[in-house]
Amino acid sequence: MSADLATAQRVAGQVTDPEMPMLTLADLGVLRDVEIDNGVVTASITPTYLGCPALATMRDDLVHRLGAAGFDRVDVRVVLDPPWTSDWISEAGRKALAQHGLSAPGSVRRPVGIQLGPVRRNLVCPRCGSSRTSLVSEFGATACKAQYRCNECLEPFEHVKEI
């Protein structure tokens, strides 16, 4: 691996998610690959879901950070196959979510089917560890999060949905 490629991978790996800035795109599992070919750095990303409004910001942040690191020609490629899954969040990413009061998604290891019935998740409060939690709203600050409340410590928290 060339020094340029290692630098490009390191720089791209430090770009944070615009909606959950405690996570890098690498820890979120969105940054799939970084390559250099004929002087062009290509970063491949997979959005967490097809309508992700943060996709353009991710692209711009990668182009800006890689440009600031001296890479003049940067291309960001969107890769949709295979689709992103919350299983791609790294262990460090899961810890960062918990440290910031967000409940990390559980493992899916299979495609998540659409369910029209009530959502039921067995969550643990990221603040006190109690399993006595209640859904407040299936929609949080972003479409990929739901709002919960701990019935023990009474603190609200967000849960990153399994996808």
N, C-alpha and C. Protein backbone atom coordinates (compact mmCIF):
# COMPACT_ATOMS: atom_id res chain seq x y z
N MET A 1 0.86 -1.18 0.00
CA MET A 1 0.00 0.00 0.00
C MET A 1 0.89 1.24 0.00
N SER A 2 0.57 2.16 -0.88
CA SER A 2 1.38 3.38 -0.96
C SER A 2 1.05 4.31 0.20
N ALA A 3 1.98 5.22 0.47
CA ALA A 3 1.77 6.21 1.53
C ALA A 3 0.57 7.09 1.20
N ASP A 4 0.41 7.43 -0.10
CA ASP A 4 -0.75 8.25 -0.49
C ASP A 4 -2.06 7.54 -0.20
N LEU A 5 -2.15 6.26 -0.51
CA LEU A 5 -3.38 5.51 -0.26
C LEU A 5 -3.65 5.41 1.24
N ALA A 6 -2.62 5.13 2.01
CA ALA A 6 -2.80 5.04 3.47
C ALA A 6 -3.28 6.39 4.02
N THR A 7 -2.74 7.48 3.51
CA THR A 7 -3.17 8.81 3.96
C THR A 7 -4.61 9.07 3.57
N ALA A 8 -4.97 8.75 2.33
CA ALA A 8 -6.34 8.96 1.86
C ALA A 8 -7.33 8.13 2.69
N GLN A 9 -6.98 6.90 2.99
CA GLN A 9 -7.85 6.05 3.80
C GLN A 9 -7.99 6.60 5.22
N ARG A 10 -6.89 7.07 5.79
CA ARG A 10 -6.93 7.64 7.15
C ARG A 10 -7.79 8.89 7.18
N VAL A 11 -7.59 9.79 6.22
CA VAL A 11 -8.35 11.05 6.18
C VAL A 11 -9.84 10.75 5.98
N ALA A 12 -10.17 9.93 5.01
CA ALA A 12 -11.58 9.59 4.75
C ALA A 12 -12.20 8.90 5.96
N GLY A 13 -11.42 8.07 6.63
CA GLY A 13 -11.91 7.33 7.79
C GLY A 13 -12.19 8.21 9.00
N GLN A 14 -11.72 9.47 8.98
CA GLN A 14 -11.95 10.39 10.10
C GLN A 14 -13.13 11.33 9.86
N VAL A 15 -13.74 11.28 8.68
CA VAL A 15 -14.89 12.14 8.39
C VAL A 15 -16.08 11.66 9.21
N THR A 16 -16.75 12.60 9.87
CA THR A 16 -17.86 12.22 10.75
C THR A 16 -19.20 12.28 10.02
N ASP A 17 -20.14 11.52 10.54
CA ASP A 17 -21.49 11.51 10.01
C ASP A 17 -22.17 12.83 10.37
N PRO A 18 -22.84 13.49 9.42
CA PRO A 18 -23.46 14.79 9.72
C PRO A 18 -24.64 14.70 10.68
N GLU A 19 -25.30 13.57 10.77
CA GLU A 19 -26.45 13.44 11.66
C GLU A 19 -26.08 12.85 13.02
N MET A 20 -25.01 12.08 13.07
CA MET A 20 -24.53 11.51 14.32
C MET A 20 -23.02 11.74 14.40
N PRO A 21 -22.62 12.97 14.75
CA PRO A 21 -21.20 13.33 14.66
C PRO A 21 -20.29 12.61 15.65
N MET A 22 -20.84 11.81 16.52
CA MET A 22 -19.98 11.00 17.39
C MET A 22 -19.43 9.79 16.63
N LEU A 23 -19.92 9.58 15.41
CA LEU A 23 -19.48 8.45 14.59
C LEU A 23 -18.75 8.93 13.35
N THR A 24 -17.68 8.25 13.00
CA THR A 24 -17.08 8.49 11.70
C THR A 24 -17.88 7.71 10.67
N LEU A 25 -17.73 8.08 9.41
CA LEU A 25 -18.40 7.31 8.35
C LEU A 25 -17.88 5.87 8.34
N ALA A 26 -16.63 5.68 8.74
CA ALA A 26 -16.06 4.33 8.81
C ALA A 26 -16.73 3.54 9.94
N ASP A 27 -16.87 4.14 11.13
CA ASP A 27 -17.52 3.43 12.24
C ASP A 27 -18.99 3.17 11.98
N LEU A 28 -19.64 4.05 11.23
CA LEU A 28 -21.04 3.84 10.88
C LEU A 28 -21.17 2.75 9.82
N GLY A 29 -20.08 2.42 9.13
CA GLY A 29 -20.11 1.40 8.09
C GLY A 29 -20.55 1.95 6.75
N VAL A 30 -20.63 3.27 6.64
CA VAL A 30 -21.04 3.92 5.39
C VAL A 30 -19.86 4.02 4.42
N LEU A 31 -18.66 4.27 4.93
CA LEU A 31 -17.47 4.34 4.09
C LEU A 31 -17.05 2.92 3.74
N ARG A 32 -17.19 2.57 2.48
CA ARG A 32 -16.94 1.20 2.05
C ARG A 32 -15.51 0.96 1.58
N ASP A 33 -14.94 1.96 0.86
CA ASP A 33 -13.63 1.74 0.28
C ASP A 33 -13.02 3.09 -0.10
N VAL A 34 -11.71 3.13 -0.13
CA VAL A 34 -10.96 4.28 -0.64
C VAL A 34 -9.86 3.73 -1.53
N GLU A 35 -9.82 4.23 -2.77
CA GLU A 35 -8.83 3.77 -3.74
C GLU A 35 -8.19 4.98 -4.42
N ILE A 36 -7.01 4.77 -4.96
CA ILE A 36 -6.37 5.79 -5.79
C ILE A 36 -6.02 5.13 -7.12
N ASP A 37 -6.47 5.77 -8.21
CA ASP A 37 -6.16 5.26 -9.55
C ASP A 37 -5.87 6.46 -10.44
N ASN A 38 -4.70 6.48 -11.03
CA ASN A 38 -4.28 7.59 -11.91
C ASN A 38 -4.43 8.95 -11.24
N GLY A 39 -4.10 9.02 -9.96
CA GLY A 39 -4.13 10.28 -9.23
C GLY A 39 -5.50 10.71 -8.73
N VAL A 40 -6.53 9.90 -8.98
CA VAL A 40 -7.88 10.23 -8.52
C VAL A 40 -8.20 9.37 -7.30
N VAL A 41 -8.56 10.04 -6.19
CA VAL A 41 -9.01 9.32 -5.00
C VAL A 41 -10.50 9.07 -5.16
N THR A 42 -10.89 7.82 -5.06
CA THR A 42 -12.30 7.46 -5.12
C THR A 42 -12.70 6.87 -3.78
N ALA A 43 -13.65 7.53 -3.12
CA ALA A 43 -14.22 7.03 -1.86
C ALA A 43 -15.59 6.46 -2.19
N SER A 44 -15.84 5.25 -1.77
CA SER A 44 -17.13 4.60 -2.00
C SER A 44 -17.92 4.61 -0.70
N ILE A 45 -19.17 5.08 -0.79
CA ILE A 45 -20.03 5.12 0.39
C ILE A 45 -21.37 4.48 0.07
N THR A 46 -21.98 3.92 1.09
CA THR A 46 -23.31 3.34 1.00
C THR A 46 -24.19 4.06 2.01
N PRO A 47 -25.26 4.72 1.56
CA PRO A 47 -26.14 5.42 2.50
C PRO A 47 -26.86 4.42 3.41
N THR A 48 -27.24 4.89 4.58
CA THR A 48 -27.96 4.03 5.51
C THR A 48 -29.33 3.65 4.98
N TYR A 49 -29.90 4.50 4.15
CA TYR A 49 -31.13 4.14 3.43
C TYR A 49 -31.20 5.02 2.19
N LEU A 50 -32.01 4.62 1.21
CA LEU A 50 -31.99 5.28 -0.10
C LEU A 50 -32.33 6.75 -0.05
N GLY A 51 -33.20 7.18 0.82
CA GLY A 51 -33.59 8.58 0.88
C GLY A 51 -32.79 9.40 1.87
N CYS A 52 -31.63 8.93 2.25
CA CYS A 52 -30.83 9.61 3.28
C CYS A 52 -30.51 11.04 2.86
N PRO A 53 -31.03 12.04 3.60
CA PRO A 53 -30.78 13.43 3.23
C PRO A 53 -29.35 13.88 3.51
N ALA A 54 -28.59 13.10 4.25
CA ALA A 54 -27.22 13.48 4.60
C ALA A 54 -26.20 13.05 3.55
N LEU A 55 -26.65 12.34 2.52
CA LEU A 55 -25.72 11.79 1.52
C LEU A 55 -24.89 12.88 0.85
N ALA A 56 -25.51 13.98 0.44
CA ALA A 56 -24.76 15.06 -0.23
C ALA A 56 -23.75 15.69 0.73
N THR A 57 -24.12 15.82 2.00
CA THR A 57 -23.19 16.38 2.98
C THR A 57 -22.01 15.45 3.20
N MET A 58 -22.27 14.14 3.25
CA MET A 58 -21.18 13.17 3.39
C MET A 58 -20.20 13.32 2.22
N ARG A 59 -20.76 13.38 1.02
CA ARG A 59 -19.93 13.54 -0.18
C ARG A 59 -19.09 14.82 -0.08
N ASP A 60 -19.75 15.93 0.23
CA ASP A 60 -19.04 17.21 0.32
C ASP A 60 -17.95 17.18 1.39
N ASP A 61 -18.25 16.57 2.52
CA ASP A 61 -17.26 16.49 3.60
C ASP A 61 -16.05 15.65 3.19
N LEU A 62 -16.29 14.55 2.49
CA LEU A 62 -15.18 13.72 2.01
C LEU A 62 -14.32 14.49 1.01
N VAL A 63 -14.97 15.15 0.06
CA VAL A 63 -14.23 15.92 -0.95
C VAL A 63 -13.42 17.03 -0.28
N HIS A 64 -14.03 17.74 0.66
CA HIS A 64 -13.34 18.84 1.35
C HIS A 64 -12.15 18.34 2.16
N ARG A 65 -12.36 17.30 2.96
CA ARG A 65 -11.28 16.80 3.84
C ARG A 65 -10.14 16.21 3.02
N LEU A 66 -10.46 15.45 1.99
CA LEU A 66 -9.40 14.87 1.16
C LEU A 66 -8.68 15.97 0.38
N GLY A 67 -9.42 16.97 -0.08
CA GLY A 67 -8.80 18.11 -0.78
C GLY A 67 -7.86 18.87 0.14
N ALA A 68 -8.29 19.08 1.39
CA ALA A 68 -7.45 19.79 2.36
C ALA A 68 -6.19 18.99 2.69
N ALA A 69 -6.25 17.66 2.51
CA ALA A 69 -5.08 16.81 2.77
C ALA A 69 -4.15 16.73 1.56
N GLY A 70 -4.48 17.48 0.49
CA GLY A 70 -3.59 17.54 -0.66
C GLY A 70 -4.01 16.70 -1.85
N PHE A 71 -5.17 16.09 -1.79
CA PHE A 71 -5.65 15.29 -2.92
C PHE A 71 -6.53 16.20 -3.79
N ASP A 72 -6.02 16.54 -4.97
CA ASP A 72 -6.69 17.51 -5.84
C ASP A 72 -7.88 16.91 -6.58
N ARG A 73 -7.81 15.64 -6.88
CA ARG A 73 -8.88 15.00 -7.66
C ARG A 73 -9.56 13.94 -6.79
N VAL A 74 -10.79 14.22 -6.39
CA VAL A 74 -11.53 13.33 -5.50
C VAL A 74 -12.88 13.03 -6.12
N ASP A 75 -13.25 11.77 -6.13
CA ASP A 75 -14.55 11.33 -6.61
C ASP A 75 -15.20 10.52 -5.49
N VAL A 76 -16.48 10.75 -5.26
CA VAL A 76 -17.22 9.96 -4.28
C VAL A 76 -18.26 9.15 -5.03
N ARG A 77 -18.20 7.86 -4.86
CA ARG A 77 -19.09 6.94 -5.56
C ARG A 77 -20.10 6.37 -4.57
N VAL A 78 -21.36 6.35 -4.95
CA VAL A 78 -22.41 5.77 -4.11
C VAL A 78 -22.61 4.32 -4.54
N VAL A 79 -22.47 3.41 -3.59
CA VAL A 79 -22.62 1.98 -3.84
C VAL A 79 -23.88 1.51 -3.10
N LEU A 80 -24.82 0.97 -3.84
CA LEU A 80 -26.09 0.55 -3.23
C LEU A 80 -26.21 -0.97 -3.04
N ASP A 81 -25.26 -1.73 -3.59
CA ASP A 81 -25.35 -3.18 -3.48
C ASP A 81 -24.03 -3.72 -2.97
N PRO A 82 -24.01 -4.39 -1.84
CA PRO A 82 -25.18 -4.71 -1.03
C PRO A 82 -25.65 -3.49 -0.25
N PRO A 83 -26.93 -3.47 0.10
CA PRO A 83 -27.45 -2.34 0.87
C PRO A 83 -26.85 -2.30 2.27
N TRP A 84 -26.74 -1.09 2.81
CA TRP A 84 -26.22 -0.91 4.16
C TRP A 84 -27.12 -1.62 5.17
N THR A 85 -26.51 -2.13 6.21
CA THR A 85 -27.24 -2.71 7.33
C THR A 85 -26.63 -2.18 8.62
N SER A 86 -27.44 -2.04 9.65
CA SER A 86 -26.93 -1.55 10.93
C SER A 86 -25.91 -2.51 11.54
N ASP A 87 -25.81 -3.72 11.02
CA ASP A 87 -24.76 -4.64 11.47
C ASP A 87 -23.37 -4.12 11.09
N TRP A 88 -23.28 -3.19 10.15
CA TRP A 88 -21.99 -2.66 9.72
C TRP A 88 -21.43 -1.63 10.69
N ILE A 89 -22.19 -1.22 11.68
CA ILE A 89 -21.66 -0.28 12.68
C ILE A 89 -20.60 -1.02 13.49
N SER A 90 -19.43 -0.42 13.59
CA SER A 90 -18.32 -1.07 14.31
C SER A 90 -18.60 -1.11 15.81
N GLU A 91 -17.83 -1.92 16.50
CA GLU A 91 -17.95 -1.99 17.96
C GLU A 91 -17.62 -0.63 18.58
N ALA A 92 -16.59 0.04 18.05
CA ALA A 92 -16.25 1.39 18.54
C ALA A 92 -17.42 2.34 18.29
N GLY A 93 -18.08 2.20 17.16
CA GLY A 93 -19.24 3.04 16.86
C GLY A 93 -20.39 2.78 17.82
N ARG A 94 -20.62 1.54 18.16
CA ARG A 94 -21.69 1.19 19.10
C ARG A 94 -21.39 1.78 20.49
N LYS A 95 -20.13 1.72 20.88
CA LYS A 95 -19.73 2.31 22.17
C LYS A 95 -19.91 3.82 22.15
N ALA A 96 -19.55 4.45 21.03
CA ALA A 96 -19.69 5.91 20.92
C ALA A 96 -21.16 6.32 21.00
N LEU A 97 -22.04 5.54 20.38
CA LEU A 97 -23.47 5.83 20.48
C LEU A 97 -23.91 5.80 21.93
N ALA A 98 -23.55 4.74 22.65
CA ALA A 98 -23.94 4.60 24.05
C ALA A 98 -23.36 5.73 24.91
N GLN A 99 -22.11 6.10 24.65
CA GLN A 99 -21.48 7.18 25.42
C GLN A 99 -22.18 8.52 25.20
N HIS A 100 -22.89 8.65 24.09
CA HIS A 100 -23.61 9.88 23.78
C HIS A 100 -25.11 9.75 24.03
N GLY A 101 -25.49 8.71 24.78
CA GLY A 101 -26.88 8.56 25.19
C GLY A 101 -27.82 8.00 24.15
N LEU A 102 -27.27 7.37 23.11
CA LEU A 102 -28.10 6.74 22.09
C LEU A 102 -28.03 5.24 22.24
N SER A 103 -29.15 4.60 22.05
CA SER A 103 -29.22 3.14 22.09
C SER A 103 -28.81 2.60 20.73
N ALA A 104 -27.81 1.73 20.70
CA ALA A 104 -27.32 1.17 19.44
C ALA A 104 -28.29 0.10 18.94
N PRO A 105 -28.37 -0.05 17.61
CA PRO A 105 -29.26 -1.07 17.07
C PRO A 105 -28.78 -2.47 17.40
N GLY A 106 -29.73 -3.38 17.51
CA GLY A 106 -29.38 -4.79 17.70
C GLY A 106 -28.94 -5.39 16.38
N SER A 107 -28.54 -6.62 16.42
CA SER A 107 -28.09 -7.32 15.22
C SER A 107 -29.30 -7.73 14.38
N VAL A 108 -29.17 -7.59 13.06
CA VAL A 108 -30.24 -8.04 12.18
C VAL A 108 -29.82 -9.28 11.40
N ARG A 109 -28.62 -9.31 10.88
CA ARG A 109 -28.04 -10.45 10.16
C ARG A 109 -28.95 -11.04 9.09
N ARG A 110 -29.96 -10.31 8.71
CA ARG A 110 -30.89 -10.73 7.66
C ARG A 110 -31.62 -9.48 7.20
N PRO A 111 -32.25 -9.52 6.04
CA PRO A 111 -33.03 -8.35 5.63
C PRO A 111 -34.16 -8.08 6.64
N VAL A 112 -34.38 -6.81 6.93
CA VAL A 112 -35.44 -6.43 7.85
C VAL A 112 -36.70 -6.19 7.03
N GLY A 113 -37.72 -6.99 7.29
CA GLY A 113 -38.98 -6.85 6.58
C GLY A 113 -39.78 -5.68 7.09
N ILE A 114 -40.66 -5.17 6.25
CA ILE A 114 -41.52 -4.08 6.66
C ILE A 114 -42.66 -4.66 7.48
N GLN A 115 -42.86 -4.09 8.66
CA GLN A 115 -43.93 -4.53 9.54
C GLN A 115 -44.87 -3.36 9.77
N LEU A 116 -46.15 -3.61 9.59
CA LEU A 116 -47.11 -2.54 9.78
C LEU A 116 -47.74 -2.56 11.16
N GLY A 117 -47.42 -3.54 11.96
CA GLY A 117 -47.96 -3.61 13.32
C GLY A 117 -47.14 -2.76 14.26
N PRO A 118 -47.50 -2.76 15.54
CA PRO A 118 -46.75 -1.98 16.54
C PRO A 118 -45.29 -2.42 16.61
N VAL A 119 -44.42 -1.45 16.79
CA VAL A 119 -42.99 -1.75 16.92
C VAL A 119 -42.71 -2.19 18.35
N ARG A 120 -42.01 -3.31 18.47
CA ARG A 120 -41.64 -3.80 19.80
C ARG A 120 -40.15 -4.11 19.80
N ARG A 121 -39.44 -3.42 20.66
CA ARG A 121 -38.01 -3.66 20.81
C ARG A 121 -37.73 -3.81 22.30
N ASN A 122 -36.83 -4.68 22.64
CA ASN A 122 -36.39 -4.81 24.03
C ASN A 122 -35.08 -4.04 24.15
N LEU A 123 -35.19 -2.80 24.63
CA LEU A 123 -34.01 -1.94 24.72
C LEU A 123 -33.56 -1.77 26.15
N VAL A 124 -32.30 -1.42 26.28
CA VAL A 124 -31.72 -1.10 27.57
C VAL A 124 -31.38 0.39 27.55
N CYS A 125 -31.72 1.08 28.62
CA CYS A 125 -31.43 2.50 28.73
C CYS A 125 -29.92 2.71 28.68
N PRO A 126 -29.44 3.57 27.77
CA PRO A 126 -27.99 3.79 27.69
C PRO A 126 -27.44 4.58 28.88
N ARG A 127 -28.30 5.13 29.73
CA ARG A 127 -27.83 5.90 30.88
C ARG A 127 -27.75 5.06 32.14
N CYS A 128 -28.83 4.31 32.44
CA CYS A 128 -28.83 3.57 33.71
C CYS A 128 -28.81 2.06 33.54
N GLY A 129 -29.02 1.58 32.31
CA GLY A 129 -28.97 0.14 32.06
C GLY A 129 -30.28 -0.60 32.30
N SER A 130 -31.33 0.10 32.66
CA SER A 130 -32.62 -0.55 32.91
C SER A 130 -33.23 -1.04 31.61
N SER A 131 -33.91 -2.16 31.67
CA SER A 131 -34.63 -2.67 30.51
C SER A 131 -36.09 -2.22 30.52
N ARG A 132 -36.46 -1.41 31.50
CA ARG A 132 -37.83 -0.88 31.56
C ARG A 132 -37.89 0.42 30.76
N THR A 133 -38.14 0.28 29.47
CA THR A 133 -38.16 1.43 28.57
C THR A 133 -39.47 1.45 27.80
N SER A 134 -39.86 2.64 27.32
CA SER A 134 -41.10 2.80 26.57
C SER A 134 -40.85 3.62 25.32
N LEU A 135 -41.52 3.22 24.23
CA LEU A 135 -41.46 3.97 22.99
C LEU A 135 -42.27 5.25 23.14
N VAL A 136 -41.66 6.39 22.82
CA VAL A 136 -42.36 7.67 22.83
C VAL A 136 -42.83 8.00 21.42
N SER A 137 -41.92 7.85 20.44
CA SER A 137 -42.25 8.11 19.05
C SER A 137 -41.33 7.28 18.15
N GLU A 138 -41.89 6.70 17.13
CA GLU A 138 -41.09 5.92 16.19
C GLU A 138 -40.19 6.82 15.35
N PHE A 139 -40.38 8.14 15.45
CA PHE A 139 -39.58 9.08 14.68
C PHE A 139 -38.86 10.03 15.63
N GLY A 140 -37.53 10.07 15.48
CA GLY A 140 -36.71 10.95 16.30
C GLY A 140 -36.24 12.15 15.51
N ALA A 141 -35.09 12.68 15.88
CA ALA A 141 -34.53 13.86 15.22
C ALA A 141 -34.22 13.58 13.76
N THR A 142 -33.91 12.34 13.44
CA THR A 142 -33.70 11.93 12.06
C THR A 142 -34.52 10.67 11.82
N ALA A 143 -34.75 10.34 10.56
CA ALA A 143 -35.60 9.19 10.22
C ALA A 143 -35.01 7.87 10.69
N CYS A 144 -33.72 7.82 10.94
CA CYS A 144 -33.10 6.56 11.34
C CYS A 144 -33.11 6.35 12.86
N LYS A 145 -33.76 7.26 13.60
CA LYS A 145 -33.82 7.13 15.06
C LYS A 145 -35.26 7.16 15.56
N ALA A 146 -35.49 6.52 16.69
CA ALA A 146 -36.78 6.54 17.38
C ALA A 146 -36.56 7.10 18.78
N GLN A 147 -37.61 7.69 19.37
CA GLN A 147 -37.50 8.27 20.71
C GLN A 147 -38.07 7.31 21.75
N TYR A 148 -37.31 7.13 22.83
CA TYR A 148 -37.71 6.27 23.94
C TYR A 148 -37.57 7.03 25.25
N ARG A 149 -38.12 6.44 26.29
CA ARG A 149 -37.99 6.99 27.64
C ARG A 149 -37.74 5.83 28.58
N CYS A 150 -36.84 6.03 29.51
CA CYS A 150 -36.55 5.02 30.52
C CYS A 150 -37.58 5.17 31.64
N ASN A 151 -38.24 4.09 32.00
CA ASN A 151 -39.23 4.12 33.07
C ASN A 151 -38.58 4.04 34.45
N GLU A 152 -37.28 3.80 34.49
CA GLU A 152 -36.55 3.73 35.76
C GLU A 152 -35.96 5.09 36.14
N CYS A 153 -35.08 5.63 35.27
CA CYS A 153 -34.43 6.91 35.57
C CYS A 153 -35.20 8.10 34.96
N LEU A 154 -36.22 7.79 34.17
CA LEU A 154 -37.11 8.78 33.54
C LEU A 154 -36.44 9.65 32.49
N GLU A 155 -35.25 9.28 32.05
CA GLU A 155 -34.53 10.05 31.04
C GLU A 155 -34.97 9.63 29.63
N PRO A 156 -35.12 10.60 28.74
CA PRO A 156 -35.39 10.26 27.34
C PRO A 156 -34.09 9.85 26.64
N PHE A 157 -34.22 9.03 25.60
CA PHE A 157 -33.06 8.70 24.78
C PHE A 157 -33.52 8.31 23.41
N GLU A 158 -32.60 8.37 22.44
CA GLU A 158 -32.91 7.96 21.09
C GLU A 158 -32.29 6.59 20.82
N HIS A 159 -32.96 5.85 19.97
CA HIS A 159 -32.50 4.53 19.55
C HIS A 159 -32.24 4.56 18.06
N VAL A 160 -31.07 4.13 17.62
CA VAL A 160 -30.78 4.02 16.20
C VAL A 160 -31.46 2.75 15.71
N LYS A 161 -32.35 2.90 14.74
CA LYS A 161 -33.17 1.79 14.26
C LYS A 161 -32.35 0.73 13.54
N GLU A 162 -32.81 -0.49 13.66
CA GLU A 162 -32.19 -1.60 12.93
C GLU A 162 -32.65 -1.50 11.47
N ILE A 163 -31.69 -1.60 10.58
CA ILE A 163 -32.01 -1.55 9.16
C ILE A 163 -31.28 -2.69 8.48
